[in-house]
Amino acid sequence: MARQHAARGWCERCGGEVELLPSAEAGRLLEVHPEQLTGLKQSKLHLGKAKEGFVICLKSLLRFLQSANVQPRSRQK
């Protein structure tokens, strides 16, 4: 579901083009307020600035979830 909200962009830490997820969407997946993401294992999450807030490298977010053994929450309609 997260990929529906992602846009392609450059991740400095990955050194390549990746899918970037808006912080609000990442916050919903992790069930935290988007502002809390900057303090949540920031060294593992690749954050970038965007026009409205910041974005998170989807690749790093998925690695973070795997290492924490957490499954992203899916959105229900």
Protein backbone atom coordinates (compact mmCIF):
# COMPACT_ATOMS: atom_id res chain seq x y z
CA MET A 1 0.00 0.00 0.00
CA ALA A 2 2.82 2.43 0.76
CA ARG A 3 4.03 2.40 -2.83
CA GLN A 4 0.75 3.99 -3.94
CA HIS A 5 1.82 7.14 -2.07
CA ALA A 6 5.50 7.04 -2.98
CA ALA A 7 7.27 9.16 -5.58
CA ARG A 8 10.62 8.51 -7.24
CA GLY A 9 13.50 10.63 -6.03
CA TRP A 10 17.15 10.66 -5.01
CA CYS A 11 18.30 9.23 -1.68
CA GLU A 12 21.69 10.61 -0.67
CA ARG A 13 22.37 7.75 1.72
CA CYS A 14 21.48 5.02 -0.79
CA GLY A 15 23.29 6.90 -3.52
CA GLY A 16 20.55 6.31 -6.05
CA GLU A 17 17.00 6.84 -7.18
CA VAL A 18 14.44 5.22 -4.88
CA GLU A 19 10.80 5.51 -3.92
CA LEU A 20 10.24 8.27 -1.36
CA LEU A 21 7.31 8.20 1.02
CA PRO A 22 5.82 11.36 2.54
CA SER A 23 6.38 11.53 6.29
CA ALA A 24 2.63 11.61 6.99
CA GLU A 25 2.14 8.28 5.21
CA ALA A 26 5.16 6.72 6.93
CA GLY A 27 3.78 7.92 10.25
CA ARG A 28 0.46 6.19 9.52
CA LEU A 29 2.26 2.95 8.67
CA LEU A 30 4.31 3.06 11.87
CA GLU A 31 1.43 4.45 13.95
CA VAL A 32 3.44 7.47 15.12
CA HIS A 33 3.13 11.20 14.53
CA PRO A 34 5.26 12.21 11.52
CA GLU A 35 7.36 14.54 13.69
CA GLN A 36 8.37 11.56 15.83
CA LEU A 37 10.03 9.91 12.83
CA THR A 38 13.02 12.23 13.02
CA GLY A 39 13.87 10.76 16.42
CA LEU A 40 12.83 7.19 15.63
CA LYS A 41 16.03 5.37 14.73
CA GLN A 42 17.04 8.31 12.56
CA SER A 43 20.35 6.66 11.76
CA LYS A 44 18.47 3.80 10.08
CA LEU A 45 15.77 5.83 8.33
CA HIS A 46 16.93 7.84 5.33
CA LEU A 47 15.18 11.20 5.61
CA GLY A 48 15.08 13.92 2.98
CA LYS A 49 13.58 17.38 2.81
CA ALA A 50 10.49 18.02 0.72
CA LYS A 51 8.37 21.06 -0.05
CA GLU A 52 5.92 20.07 2.67
CA GLY A 53 7.85 18.45 5.52
CA PHE A 54 10.11 15.57 4.68
CA VAL A 55 10.18 12.23 2.89
CA ILE A 56 11.54 8.84 3.86
CA CYS A 57 13.39 6.45 1.60
CA LEU A 58 11.02 3.51 1.26
CA LYS A 59 13.93 1.08 0.99
CA SER A 60 15.30 2.20 4.37
CA LEU A 61 11.82 2.13 5.93
CA LEU A 62 11.29 -1.47 4.81
CA ARG A 63 14.73 -2.48 6.13
CA PHE A 64 13.89 -0.79 9.46
CA LEU A 65 10.60 -2.68 9.69
CA GLN A 66 12.31 -5.99 8.88
CA SER A 67 15.01 -5.43 11.51
CA ALA A 68 12.37 -4.55 14.09
CA ASN A 69 10.30 -7.54 12.94
CA VAL A 70 7.30 -5.24 12.42
CA GLN A 71 4.70 -5.59 9.72
CA PRO A 72 3.44 -2.30 8.23
CA ARG A 73 -0.18 -1.59 8.98
CA SER A 74 -2.32 -1.84 5.86
CA ARG A 75 -4.98 0.76 5.22
CA GLN A 76 -8.53 -0.47 5.35
CA LYS A 77 -11.27 1.17 3.31
